[in-house]
């Protein structure tokens, strides 16, 4: 899909629900956030976690963000491509591959259903990705995936 093509859009009401969860359902948000934080601490000794946070490679608590994701059927870890994306849309939260196929399928239906993409982002998808990969054993990736399904 060319960059200037009409983007696939998730259902606005579902995006608002997730974006405003901390305000609209504070108990649910706190339960989720606490569970995410507990998993993070148990997956990493305190020193490793502090090092990742200090290096800017992880957060000590999860954060809900709502916004555009660049998704395409190609790997986007190439720095020049990521920089090109940022020049065209500074609001992008992530670049990835998987959502493209899901949304293409949803939009391919004659009567598309409501949709929402929830991503657990585990790394920056740029030059820092190699540094991140060298520091961990995949625990942060697993946590990112688990945090978005709980």
C-alpha atoms as a PDB file:
ATOM      1  CA  UNK A   1       0.000   0.000   0.000  1.00  0.00           C
ATOM      2  CA  UNK A   2       1.598   3.321  -1.005  1.00  0.00           C
ATOM      3  CA  UNK A   3       2.260   5.721   1.867  1.00  0.00           C
ATOM      4  CA  UNK A   4      -0.177   8.302   0.478  1.00  0.00           C
ATOM      5  CA  UNK A   5      -3.017   5.774   0.164  1.00  0.00           C
ATOM      6  CA  UNK A   6      -6.009   6.030   2.474  1.00  0.00           C
ATOM      7  CA  UNK A   7      -4.961   4.392   5.748  1.00  0.00           C
ATOM      8  CA  UNK A   8      -6.826   1.580   7.418  1.00  0.00           C
ATOM      9  CA  UNK A   9      -8.556   2.963  10.484  1.00  0.00           C
ATOM     10  CA  UNK A  10      -9.619   1.215  13.662  1.00  0.00           C
ATOM     11  CA  UNK A  11     -13.059   1.982  15.050  1.00  0.00           C
ATOM     12  CA  UNK A  12     -12.950   5.368  16.796  1.00  0.00           C
ATOM     13  CA  UNK A  13     -15.128   4.282  19.726  1.00  0.00           C
ATOM     14  CA  UNK A  14     -12.858   1.324  20.489  1.00  0.00           C
ATOM     15  CA  UNK A  15      -9.723   3.487  20.261  1.00  0.00           C
ATOM     16  CA  UNK A  16     -11.267   6.034  22.653  1.00  0.00           C
ATOM     17  CA  UNK A  17     -12.210   3.278  25.099  1.00  0.00           C
ATOM     18  CA  UNK A  18      -8.637   2.003  25.286  1.00  0.00           C
ATOM     19  CA  UNK A  19      -7.061   5.465  25.236  1.00  0.00           C
ATOM     20  CA  UNK A  20      -9.259   6.688  28.114  1.00  0.00           C
ATOM     21  CA  UNK A  21      -9.151   3.487  30.168  1.00  0.00           C
ATOM     22  CA  UNK A  22      -7.140   5.092  32.973  1.00  0.00           C
ATOM     23  CA  UNK A  23      -9.913   7.675  33.484  1.00  0.00           C
ATOM     24  CA  UNK A  24     -13.036   5.717  32.557  1.00  0.00           C
ATOM     25  CA  UNK A  25     -12.130   2.483  34.372  1.00  0.00           C
ATOM     26  CA  UNK A  26      -9.370   3.322  36.869  1.00  0.00           C
ATOM     27  CA  UNK A  27      -9.718   0.061  38.821  1.00  0.00           C
ATOM     28  CA  UNK A  28      -9.381  -2.007  35.645  1.00  0.00           C
ATOM     29  CA  UNK A  29      -6.443   0.108  34.490  1.00  0.00           C
ATOM     30  CA  UNK A  30      -4.701  -0.198  37.878  1.00  0.00           C
ATOM     31  CA  UNK A  31      -5.219  -3.971  37.941  1.00  0.00           C
ATOM     32  CA  UNK A  32      -3.753  -4.288  34.438  1.00  0.00           C
ATOM     33  CA  UNK A  33      -0.851  -1.924  35.138  1.00  0.00           C
ATOM     34  CA  UNK A  34       0.019  -3.670  38.404  1.00  0.00           C
ATOM     35  CA  UNK A  35      -0.045  -7.095  36.716  1.00  0.00           C
ATOM     36  CA  UNK A  36       2.219  -5.814  33.919  1.00  0.00           C
ATOM     37  CA  UNK A  37       4.652  -4.338  36.423  1.00  0.00           C
ATOM     38  CA  UNK A  38       4.685  -7.537  38.504  1.00  0.00           C
ATOM     39  CA  UNK A  39       5.471  -9.632  35.418  1.00  0.00           C
ATOM     40  CA  UNK A  40       8.247  -7.231  34.414  1.00  0.00           C
ATOM     41  CA  UNK A  41       9.880  -7.386  37.831  1.00  0.00           C
ATOM     42  CA  UNK A  42       9.653 -11.175  38.022  1.00  0.00           C
ATOM     43  CA  UNK A  43      11.098 -11.614  34.513  1.00  0.00           C
ATOM     44  CA  UNK A  44      14.137  -9.495  35.262  1.00  0.00           C
ATOM     45  CA  UNK A  45      16.314  -9.070  38.296  1.00  0.00           C
ATOM     46  CA  UNK A  46      16.156  -5.523  39.646  1.00  0.00           C
ATOM     47  CA  UNK A  47      19.597  -4.617  38.318  1.00  0.00           C
ATOM     48  CA  UNK A  48      18.802  -5.657  34.724  1.00  0.00           C
ATOM     49  CA  UNK A  49      15.511  -3.772  34.796  1.00  0.00           C
ATOM     50  CA  UNK A  50      17.147  -0.623  36.152  1.00  0.00           C
ATOM     51  CA  UNK A  51      19.816  -0.865  33.422  1.00  0.00           C
ATOM     52  CA  UNK A  52      17.170  -1.167  30.685  1.00  0.00           C
ATOM     53  CA  UNK A  53      15.177   1.769  32.087  1.00  0.00           C
ATOM     54  CA  UNK A  54      18.313   3.887  32.534  1.00  0.00           C
ATOM     55  CA  UNK A  55      19.398   3.123  28.956  1.00  0.00           C
ATOM     56  CA  UNK A  56      15.958   4.202  27.715  1.00  0.00           C
ATOM     57  CA  UNK A  57      15.222   0.696  26.415  1.00  0.00           C
ATOM     58  CA  UNK A  58      12.291  -0.090  28.732  1.00  0.00           C
ATOM     59  CA  UNK A  59       9.743   1.559  30.965  1.00  0.00           C
ATOM     60  CA  UNK A  60       9.275   0.522  34.561  1.00  0.00           C
ATOM     61  CA  UNK A  61       5.484   0.741  34.085  1.00  0.00           C
ATOM     62  CA  UNK A  62       3.355   0.096  30.988  1.00  0.00           C
ATOM     63  CA  UNK A  63       1.900   2.995  29.061  1.00  0.00           C
ATOM     64  CA  UNK A  64      -1.224   3.086  26.904  1.00  0.00           C
ATOM     65  CA  UNK A  65      -0.787   5.085  23.697  1.00  0.00           C
ATOM     66  CA  UNK A  66      -3.365   5.579  20.955  1.00  0.00           C
ATOM     67  CA  UNK A  67      -2.308   6.721  17.516  1.00  0.00           C
ATOM     68  CA  UNK A  68      -1.197   5.709  14.049  1.00  0.00           C
ATOM     69  CA  UNK A  69       0.948   2.652  13.404  1.00  0.00           C
ATOM     70  CA  UNK A  70       2.834   2.230  10.129  1.00  0.00           C
ATOM     71  CA  UNK A  71       2.164  -1.299   9.006  1.00  0.00           C
ATOM     72  CA  UNK A  72       3.259  -2.906   5.765  1.00  0.00           C
ATOM     73  CA  UNK A  73       4.109  -6.353   4.435  1.00  0.00           C
ATOM     74  CA  UNK A  74       7.879  -5.789   4.767  1.00  0.00           C
ATOM     75  CA  UNK A  75      10.311  -5.730   7.696  1.00  0.00           C
ATOM     76  CA  UNK A  76      10.842  -2.154   8.869  1.00  0.00           C
ATOM     77  CA  UNK A  77      13.932  -2.371  11.086  1.00  0.00           C
ATOM     78  CA  UNK A  78      15.996  -0.552   8.463  1.00  0.00           C
ATOM     79  CA  UNK A  79      16.939   2.866   9.929  1.00  0.00           C
ATOM     80  CA  UNK A  80      16.604   4.774   6.646  1.00  0.00           C
ATOM     81  CA  UNK A  81      13.060   3.494   6.165  1.00  0.00           C
ATOM     82  CA  UNK A  82      12.059   4.295   9.761  1.00  0.00           C
ATOM     83  CA  UNK A  83      13.496   7.806   9.351  1.00  0.00           C
ATOM     84  CA  UNK A  84      11.560   8.228   6.086  1.00  0.00           C
ATOM     85  CA  UNK A  85       8.351   7.206   7.873  1.00  0.00           C
ATOM     86  CA  UNK A  86       8.990   9.738  10.643  1.00  0.00           C
ATOM     87  CA  UNK A  87       9.540  12.506   8.087  1.00  0.00           C
ATOM     88  CA  UNK A  88       6.095  11.785   6.645  1.00  0.00           C
ATOM     89  CA  UNK A  89       4.255  11.353   9.946  1.00  0.00           C
ATOM     90  CA  UNK A  90       5.869  12.369  13.219  1.00  0.00           C
ATOM     91  CA  UNK A  91       2.866  11.009  15.136  1.00  0.00           C
ATOM     92  CA  UNK A  92       3.643   7.367  14.312  1.00  0.00           C
ATOM     93  CA  UNK A  93       3.811   5.208  17.417  1.00  0.00           C
ATOM     94  CA  UNK A  94       5.320   2.127  15.791  1.00  0.00           C
ATOM     95  CA  UNK A  95       6.261   0.429  12.549  1.00  0.00           C
ATOM     96  CA  UNK A  96       5.418  -3.242  12.187  1.00  0.00           C
ATOM     97  CA  UNK A  97       4.137  -5.918   9.799  1.00  0.00           C
ATOM     98  CA  UNK A  98       1.392  -7.957  11.421  1.00  0.00           C
ATOM     99  CA  UNK A  99      -1.454  -5.424  11.622  1.00  0.00           C
ATOM    100  CA  UNK A 100      -1.320  -4.788   7.893  1.00  0.00           C
ATOM    101  CA  UNK A 101      -2.589  -8.281   7.105  1.00  0.00           C
ATOM    102  CA  UNK A 102      -5.321  -8.117   9.735  1.00  0.00           C
ATOM    103  CA  UNK A 103      -6.598  -4.747   8.542  1.00  0.00           C
ATOM    104  CA  UNK A 104      -6.332  -5.703   4.855  1.00  0.00           C
ATOM    105  CA  UNK A 105      -8.548  -8.689   5.635  1.00  0.00           C
ATOM    106  CA  UNK A 106     -11.055  -6.577   7.599  1.00  0.00           C
ATOM    107  CA  UNK A 107     -11.233  -3.929   4.864  1.00  0.00           C
ATOM    108  CA  UNK A 108     -11.465  -6.618   2.182  1.00  0.00           C
ATOM    109  CA  UNK A 109     -14.921  -7.589   3.392  1.00  0.00           C
ATOM    110  CA  UNK A 110     -18.002  -6.067   1.740  1.00  0.00           C
ATOM    111  CA  UNK A 111     -19.238  -5.044   5.196  1.00  0.00           C
ATOM    112  CA  UNK A 112     -16.153  -4.504   7.360  1.00  0.00           C
ATOM    113  CA  UNK A 113     -16.662  -5.080  11.061  1.00  0.00           C
ATOM    114  CA  UNK A 114     -15.385  -2.842  13.797  1.00  0.00           C
ATOM    115  CA  UNK A 115     -11.672  -3.227  14.389  1.00  0.00           C
ATOM    116  CA  UNK A 116      -9.014  -2.417  16.922  1.00  0.00           C
ATOM    117  CA  UNK A 117      -5.297  -3.207  16.816  1.00  0.00           C
ATOM    118  CA  UNK A 118      -3.586  -3.582  20.187  1.00  0.00           C
ATOM    119  CA  UNK A 119       0.193  -3.912  20.054  1.00  0.00           C
ATOM    120  CA  UNK A 120       2.678  -4.715  22.766  1.00  0.00           C
ATOM    121  CA  UNK A 121       5.704  -2.714  21.661  1.00  0.00           C
ATOM    122  CA  UNK A 122       8.954  -4.176  22.960  1.00  0.00           C
ATOM    123  CA  UNK A 123      11.639  -2.214  21.153  1.00  0.00           C
ATOM    124  CA  UNK A 124      12.252   0.876  19.056  1.00  0.00           C
ATOM    125  CA  UNK A 125      12.640  -0.765  15.644  1.00  0.00           C
ATOM    126  CA  UNK A 126      15.725   1.307  14.896  1.00  0.00           C
ATOM    127  CA  UNK A 127      19.450   1.118  15.647  1.00  0.00           C
ATOM    128  CA  UNK A 128      18.665   0.662  19.368  1.00  0.00           C
ATOM    129  CA  UNK A 129      16.991  -2.680  18.533  1.00  0.00           C
ATOM    130  CA  UNK A 130      20.360  -4.447  18.299  1.00  0.00           C
ATOM    131  CA  UNK A 131      21.419  -3.051  21.671  1.00  0.00           C
ATOM    132  CA  UNK A 132      18.114  -4.151  23.150  1.00  0.00           C
ATOM    133  CA  UNK A 133      18.433  -7.653  21.670  1.00  0.00           C
ATOM    134  CA  UNK A 134      21.959  -8.070  23.036  1.00  0.00           C
ATOM    135  CA  UNK A 135      20.803  -7.187  26.572  1.00  0.00           C
ATOM    136  CA  UNK A 136      17.935  -9.627  26.847  1.00  0.00           C
ATOM    137  CA  UNK A 137      16.803 -13.145  26.193  1.00  0.00           C
ATOM    138  CA  UNK A 138      13.443 -12.212  24.709  1.00  0.00           C
ATOM    139  CA  UNK A 139      11.790 -11.700  28.092  1.00  0.00           C
ATOM    140  CA  UNK A 140      10.762  -8.113  27.299  1.00  0.00           C
ATOM    141  CA  UNK A 141       9.215  -9.192  23.964  1.00  0.00           C
ATOM    142  CA  UNK A 142       7.225 -11.883  25.725  1.00  0.00           C
ATOM    143  CA  UNK A 143       6.104  -9.384  28.355  1.00  0.00           C
ATOM    144  CA  UNK A 144       5.015  -6.864  25.705  1.00  0.00           C
ATOM    145  CA  UNK A 145       2.885  -9.501  24.018  1.00  0.00           C
ATOM    146  CA  UNK A 146       1.431 -10.742  27.298  1.00  0.00           C
ATOM    147  CA  UNK A 147       0.683  -7.216  28.553  1.00  0.00           C
ATOM    148  CA  UNK A 148      -1.597  -6.468  25.615  1.00  0.00           C
ATOM    149  CA  UNK A 149      -3.681  -9.620  25.992  1.00  0.00           C
ATOM    150  CA  UNK A 150      -4.399  -9.444  29.729  1.00  0.00           C
END
